[in-house]
Amino acid sequence: MALTLTTDERTELERRVRSLKIRSEDARRARVILMLANGDSYSTIEATVPCFRDYINRWRRRFLADRIDGLQPRYKGQPPTVLTPAMEARVLEKTRQAPPDGSTHWSTRKLGRVLKIHHNLVAKAWQRAGLQPHRFERYMQSDDPDFEPKAADVIGLYVNPPDHAAVFAVDEKTAIQALDRLDPVLPLSPGRAERHGFEYYRHGTLSLFAALNTQSGEVLGQTVARHTSAAFVEFLDNIVASQPKRREIHVIADNLSTHKTQAVRTFLLEHPNVHLHFTPTYSSWLNQVFEDRAKRAGARHFHVRRRPGSQDSSIHPSLQQSPEADPLGLSQPGASN
């Protein structure tokens, strides 16, 4: 028995069949109802749409019961899962526990399977809490029993230095490769970076001393052939020479053995205006020169030259810095930004 349609119902069903903007399934149901209204047989509808007889009967019954509204799908899909505060607390608590399979950390999918939630919810909870289980950082705990007095002494020199005194943060960089390019270095030019030849000559290694004036930002530097106590004393002498006579000088350094030799103690006796302040053990991060970019500026451009007349460039005393530039940005005020 053919279905009977009103004019408005037929117009709406024909609009759905022609529309290119609605879901194809909606157009398919409208086509079935129109063909039933036109008196087409089930066999014709099955071959034209195509579909099964059960499909035709289902939507025929629903149309007869609710007319156009009956063609709306009854299954709306799974309701959206919301990351509730309780669920987020479960995710964060489980994240801080070790995975049961012995792996080092959780992944979103692994934790999602354990908690029986979607892995995107785990990722969202981690993002909100700033958790990144795949990352870790190292730290070094100081075992210095006098950590607090030493740290307070160093920090006090930074935030409240003595009047009319200079404060220097000193450190060393050892085992710097002293390489000399065999081909000329092509300078920086518009649209082109500085270019170095591929081949180089090894001159052994150098050590760099750097002293940051914490008040002016000036960086004093010196390269030496070997990192020894005598070289450190010579660098202290250069620091003293850079300041007016009898000016109080406070030097912050780490606990390296070369800083505590008899030669250093003798130097301090001969220069009573120089005072050494040691950072606590495993606490070199208190030394401000670590944060100063001038200590590292241009280090990748560092290369050395043979002194004229030298026969063996691998001998350290024959090394000198390239005359074209001051590669480490030393002795330039304001280098610390």
Foldseek 3Di string as FASTA:
>chain_A
DADDDDPVLLVVLVCLLPDPPDDVLLNLLSVLNVCSNVVDDLVVDCVVSNDDPVVSVVSVVQCVVPNPVSSDDPDPDDPDDDCDPVNLVVLVVVQPDDDPVPDQGDQLVRSCVVVVHDSVSSVVSCVVVVDDRVDDDDADDFPFPCQVVLLCVLVCCQPPNDPQAWEKQKDKDWFQWAKAAPDDWADDDVPDHTDTDPDIDTLGGKMKMWIAGSPFRAIAMDIDRDDALVVVLVVVVVVQVVDDPPGAYEYEYEDDPSCDDPVNVVSCVVPVSYHYRYHGPRPSVSRCVVLACLQVAQSVVWHWDFAPPDDRSNDGVRTDTDPPDPRSNHRDTPSRD
